[in-house]
C-alpha atoms as a PDB file:
ATOM      1  CA  MET A   1     -92.747  -6.822 -18.449  1.00  0.00           C
ATOM      2  CA  ALA A   2     -92.722  -7.245 -22.044  1.00  0.00           C
ATOM      3  CA  ALA A   3     -94.993  -5.725 -23.825  1.00  0.00           C
ATOM      4  CA  THR A   4     -96.792  -8.392 -25.168  1.00  0.00           C
ATOM      5  CA  THR A   5     -96.832 -10.574 -22.426  1.00  0.00           C
ATOM      6  CA  GLY A   6    -100.209 -12.578 -22.580  1.00  0.00           C
ATOM      7  CA  ALA A   7    -100.630 -12.225 -25.835  1.00  0.00           C
ATOM      8  CA  GLY A   8     -98.192 -15.182 -26.822  1.00  0.00           C
ATOM      9  CA  HIS A   9     -94.751 -13.744 -27.481  1.00  0.00           C
ATOM     10  CA  PRO A  10     -93.336 -12.777 -23.878  1.00  0.00           C
ATOM     11  CA  LYS A  11     -90.166 -12.642 -25.073  1.00  0.00           C
ATOM     12  CA  TRP A  12     -91.135  -9.896 -27.798  1.00  0.00           C
ATOM     13  CA  ASN A  13     -90.878  -6.337 -26.663  1.00  0.00           C
ATOM     14  CA  LEU A  14     -91.251  -2.831 -27.869  1.00  0.00           C
ATOM     15  CA  PRO A  15     -89.175  -2.498 -30.109  1.00  0.00           C
ATOM     16  CA  ASP A  16     -85.745  -0.470 -29.551  1.00  0.00           C
ATOM     17  CA  ASN A  17     -84.644   0.185 -32.487  1.00  0.00           C
ATOM     18  CA  ALA A  18     -87.687   2.454 -34.180  1.00  0.00           C
ATOM     19  CA  GLY A  19     -86.317   5.590 -33.364  1.00  0.00           C
ATOM     20  CA  GLU A  20     -86.919   9.153 -31.375  1.00  0.00           C
ATOM     21  CA  TYR A  21     -88.974  11.786 -31.782  1.00  0.00           C
ATOM     22  CA  ASN A  22     -87.472  13.079 -34.409  1.00  0.00           C
ATOM     23  CA  ASN A  23     -85.404  10.470 -36.078  1.00  0.00           C
ATOM     24  CA  THR A  24     -86.899   9.790 -40.053  1.00  0.00           C
ATOM     25  CA  HIS A  25     -88.688   6.540 -40.190  1.00  0.00           C
ATOM     26  CA  ALA A  26     -85.383   5.673 -43.222  1.00  0.00           C
ATOM     27  CA  SER A  27     -83.049   6.523 -41.092  1.00  0.00           C
ATOM     28  CA  THR A  28     -84.142   3.680 -37.832  1.00  0.00           C
ATOM     29  CA  GLU A  29     -83.514   0.058 -38.194  1.00  0.00           C
ATOM     30  CA  PHE A  30     -87.734  -0.842 -37.422  1.00  0.00           C
ATOM     31  CA  PHE A  31     -88.420   1.751 -40.335  1.00  0.00           C
ATOM     32  CA  ARG A  32     -85.990   0.952 -43.005  1.00  0.00           C
ATOM     33  CA  PRO A  33     -86.360  -0.498 -46.572  1.00  0.00           C
ATOM     34  CA  ASN A  34     -86.349  -4.192 -45.483  1.00  0.00           C
ATOM     35  CA  GLY A  35     -86.839  -3.065 -42.008  1.00  0.00           C
ATOM     36  CA  THR A  36     -87.717  -4.840 -38.808  1.00  0.00           C
ATOM     37  CA  TYR A  37     -91.177  -4.124 -39.363  1.00  0.00           C
ATOM     38  CA  LEU A  38     -91.164  -7.105 -42.249  1.00  0.00           C
ATOM     39  CA  THR A  39     -89.768  -9.683 -40.082  1.00  0.00           C
ATOM     40  CA  GLU A  40     -92.211 -12.246 -37.767  1.00  0.00           C
ATOM     41  CA  GLU A  41     -91.920 -10.118 -34.284  1.00  0.00           C
ATOM     42  CA  GLY A  42     -92.323  -6.276 -36.439  1.00  0.00           C
ATOM     43  CA  LYS A  43     -95.624  -8.386 -37.572  1.00  0.00           C
ATOM     44  CA  PHE A  44     -96.252  -9.751 -35.065  1.00  0.00           C
ATOM     45  CA  LEU A  45     -96.137  -6.055 -32.651  1.00  0.00           C
ATOM     46  CA  LEU A  46     -98.166  -4.238 -35.296  1.00  0.00           C
ATOM     47  CA  THR A  47    -100.963  -6.915 -35.392  1.00  0.00           C
ATOM     48  CA  TRP A  48    -101.069  -6.557 -31.875  1.00  0.00           C
ATOM     49  CA  TYR A  49    -100.943  -2.761 -31.399  1.00  0.00           C
ATOM     50  CA  SER A  50    -103.322  -2.668 -34.674  1.00  0.00           C
ATOM     51  CA  ASN A  51    -105.434  -4.113 -32.247  1.00  0.00           C
ATOM     52  CA  LYS A  52    -104.711  -2.583 -29.255  1.00  0.00           C
ATOM     53  CA  LEU A  53    -106.232   0.725 -31.707  1.00  0.00           C
ATOM     54  CA  LEU A  54    -109.613  -1.410 -32.709  1.00  0.00           C
ATOM     55  CA  SER A  55    -110.212  -2.776 -28.875  1.00  0.00           C
ATOM     56  CA  ARG A  56    -109.770   0.433 -27.708  1.00  0.00           C
ATOM     57  CA  GLY A  57    -112.382   1.929 -30.233  1.00  0.00           C
ATOM     58  CA  ASN A  58    -114.668  -0.523 -29.577  1.00  0.00           C
ATOM     59  CA  GLN A  59    -115.337   0.206 -25.945  1.00  0.00           C
ATOM     60  CA  ILE A  60    -115.750   4.013 -26.809  1.00  0.00           C
ATOM     61  CA  LEU A  61    -118.377   3.009 -29.138  1.00  0.00           C
ATOM     62  CA  ASP A  62    -120.169   0.866 -26.351  1.00  0.00           C
ATOM     63  CA  GLU A  63    -120.103   3.310 -24.132  1.00  0.00           C
ATOM     64  CA  ALA A  64    -121.534   5.819 -26.040  1.00  0.00           C
ATOM     65  CA  ASN A  65    -123.841   2.892 -27.060  1.00  0.00           C
ATOM     66  CA  LYS A  66    -124.721   2.609 -23.521  1.00  0.00           C
ATOM     67  CA  ALA A  67    -125.364   6.776 -23.097  1.00  0.00           C
ATOM     68  CA  PHE A  68    -127.426   7.202 -25.730  1.00  0.00           C
ATOM     69  CA  LEU A  69    -129.374   3.977 -25.279  1.00  0.00           C
ATOM     70  CA  GLY A  70    -133.182   5.058 -25.627  1.00  0.00           C
ATOM     71  CA  PHE A  71    -132.444   8.557 -28.038  1.00  0.00           C
ATOM     72  CA  LYS A  72    -132.765   8.614 -30.975  1.00  0.00           C
ATOM     73  CA  VAL A  73    -128.992   9.848 -31.882  1.00  0.00           C
ATOM     74  CA  LYS A  74    -126.802   9.037 -34.168  1.00  0.00           C
ATOM     75  CA  LEU A  75    -122.911   8.785 -33.151  1.00  0.00           C
ATOM     76  CA  ALA A  76    -119.796   9.359 -35.264  1.00  0.00           C
ATOM     77  CA  ALA A  77    -116.714   8.910 -35.048  1.00  0.00           C
ATOM     78  CA  LYS A  78    -113.635  10.560 -36.164  1.00  0.00           C
ATOM     79  CA  VAL A  79    -109.818   8.939 -36.439  1.00  0.00           C
ATOM     80  CA  SER A  80    -107.492  11.480 -37.686  1.00  0.00           C
ATOM     81  CA  GLY A  81    -105.454  10.735 -41.212  1.00  0.00           C
ATOM     82  CA  ILE A  82    -102.530  10.649 -40.754  1.00  0.00           C
ATOM     83  CA  HIS A  83    -100.816  11.316 -44.323  1.00  0.00           C
ATOM     84  CA  TRP A  84     -96.776  11.835 -43.733  1.00  0.00           C
ATOM     85  CA  CYS A  85     -95.006   9.202 -45.748  1.00  0.00           C
ATOM     86  CA  TYR A  86     -97.337   7.812 -47.149  1.00  0.00           C
ATOM     87  CA  LYS A  87     -95.667   6.689 -50.196  1.00  0.00           C
ATOM     88  CA  ASP A  88     -92.768   4.723 -48.044  1.00  0.00           C
ATOM     89  CA  ASP A  89     -93.164   1.547 -48.295  1.00  0.00           C
ATOM     90  CA  SER A  90     -93.464   1.270 -43.340  1.00  0.00           C
ATOM     91  CA  HIS A  91     -95.991   3.749 -44.336  1.00  0.00           C
ATOM     92  CA  ALA A  92     -94.203   4.624 -40.682  1.00  0.00           C
ATOM     93  CA  ALA A  93     -97.059   7.228 -39.632  1.00  0.00           C
ATOM     94  CA  GLU A  94     -99.431   5.367 -40.138  1.00  0.00           C
ATOM     95  CA  LEU A  95     -97.442   2.195 -37.650  1.00  0.00           C
ATOM     96  CA  LYS A  96     -96.943   4.717 -35.087  1.00  0.00           C
ATOM     97  CA  SER A  97    -100.697   5.318 -34.899  1.00  0.00           C
ATOM     98  CA  GLY A  98    -101.913   2.320 -34.908  1.00  0.00           C
ATOM     99  CA  PHE A  99    -102.578   2.280 -38.531  1.00  0.00           C
ATOM    100  CA  TYR A 100    -101.311  -1.685 -39.769  1.00  0.00           C
ATOM    101  CA  ASN A 101    -101.683   0.114 -43.180  1.00  0.00           C
ATOM    102  CA  LEU A 102     -99.232  -0.797 -45.707  1.00  0.00           C
ATOM    103  CA  LYS A 103     -98.491  -1.406 -49.487  1.00  0.00           C
ATOM    104  CA  ASP A 104     -99.912  -4.977 -49.505  1.00  0.00           C
ATOM    105  CA  ARG A 105    -102.233  -4.375 -45.954  1.00  0.00           C
ATOM    106  CA  ASP A 106    -104.997  -2.810 -46.282  1.00  0.00           C
ATOM    107  CA  GLY A 107    -105.360  -1.312 -42.763  1.00  0.00           C
ATOM    108  CA  SER A 108    -108.577   0.486 -43.379  1.00  0.00           C
ATOM    109  CA  ILE A 109    -110.245   0.500 -39.047  1.00  0.00           C
ATOM    110  CA  PHE A 110    -113.711   1.344 -40.890  1.00  0.00           C
ATOM    111  CA  LYS A 111    -115.195  -1.425 -42.505  1.00  0.00           C
ATOM    112  CA  LEU A 112    -114.457  -2.806 -38.697  1.00  0.00           C
ATOM    113  CA  PHE A 113    -116.970   0.044 -36.653  1.00  0.00           C
ATOM    114  CA  MET A 114    -119.779  -0.523 -39.300  1.00  0.00           C
END
């Protein structure tokens, strides 16, 4: 089953050119300069993946709100910072974690949870 089935592009799967655990970003077709991440399919996949992260975060916050309903409690959440390859155009480490953040695209998720 395609990774994005039901999301508008059933023929698009997870990329098979993003490398493996020990690959550097520049040695992969997906994250290299002018790589697949900049294509229509790459942008769609990264948007889909990022939205999955945001959806899951909202589910967790909804459950926390239910658990503490009626109590005076301030909830806080921590999202780990990912800085490896930050100066690279692809921001590969962030993209792999669901943060769709590029030099020309603000991938900040924090404003969405405020």
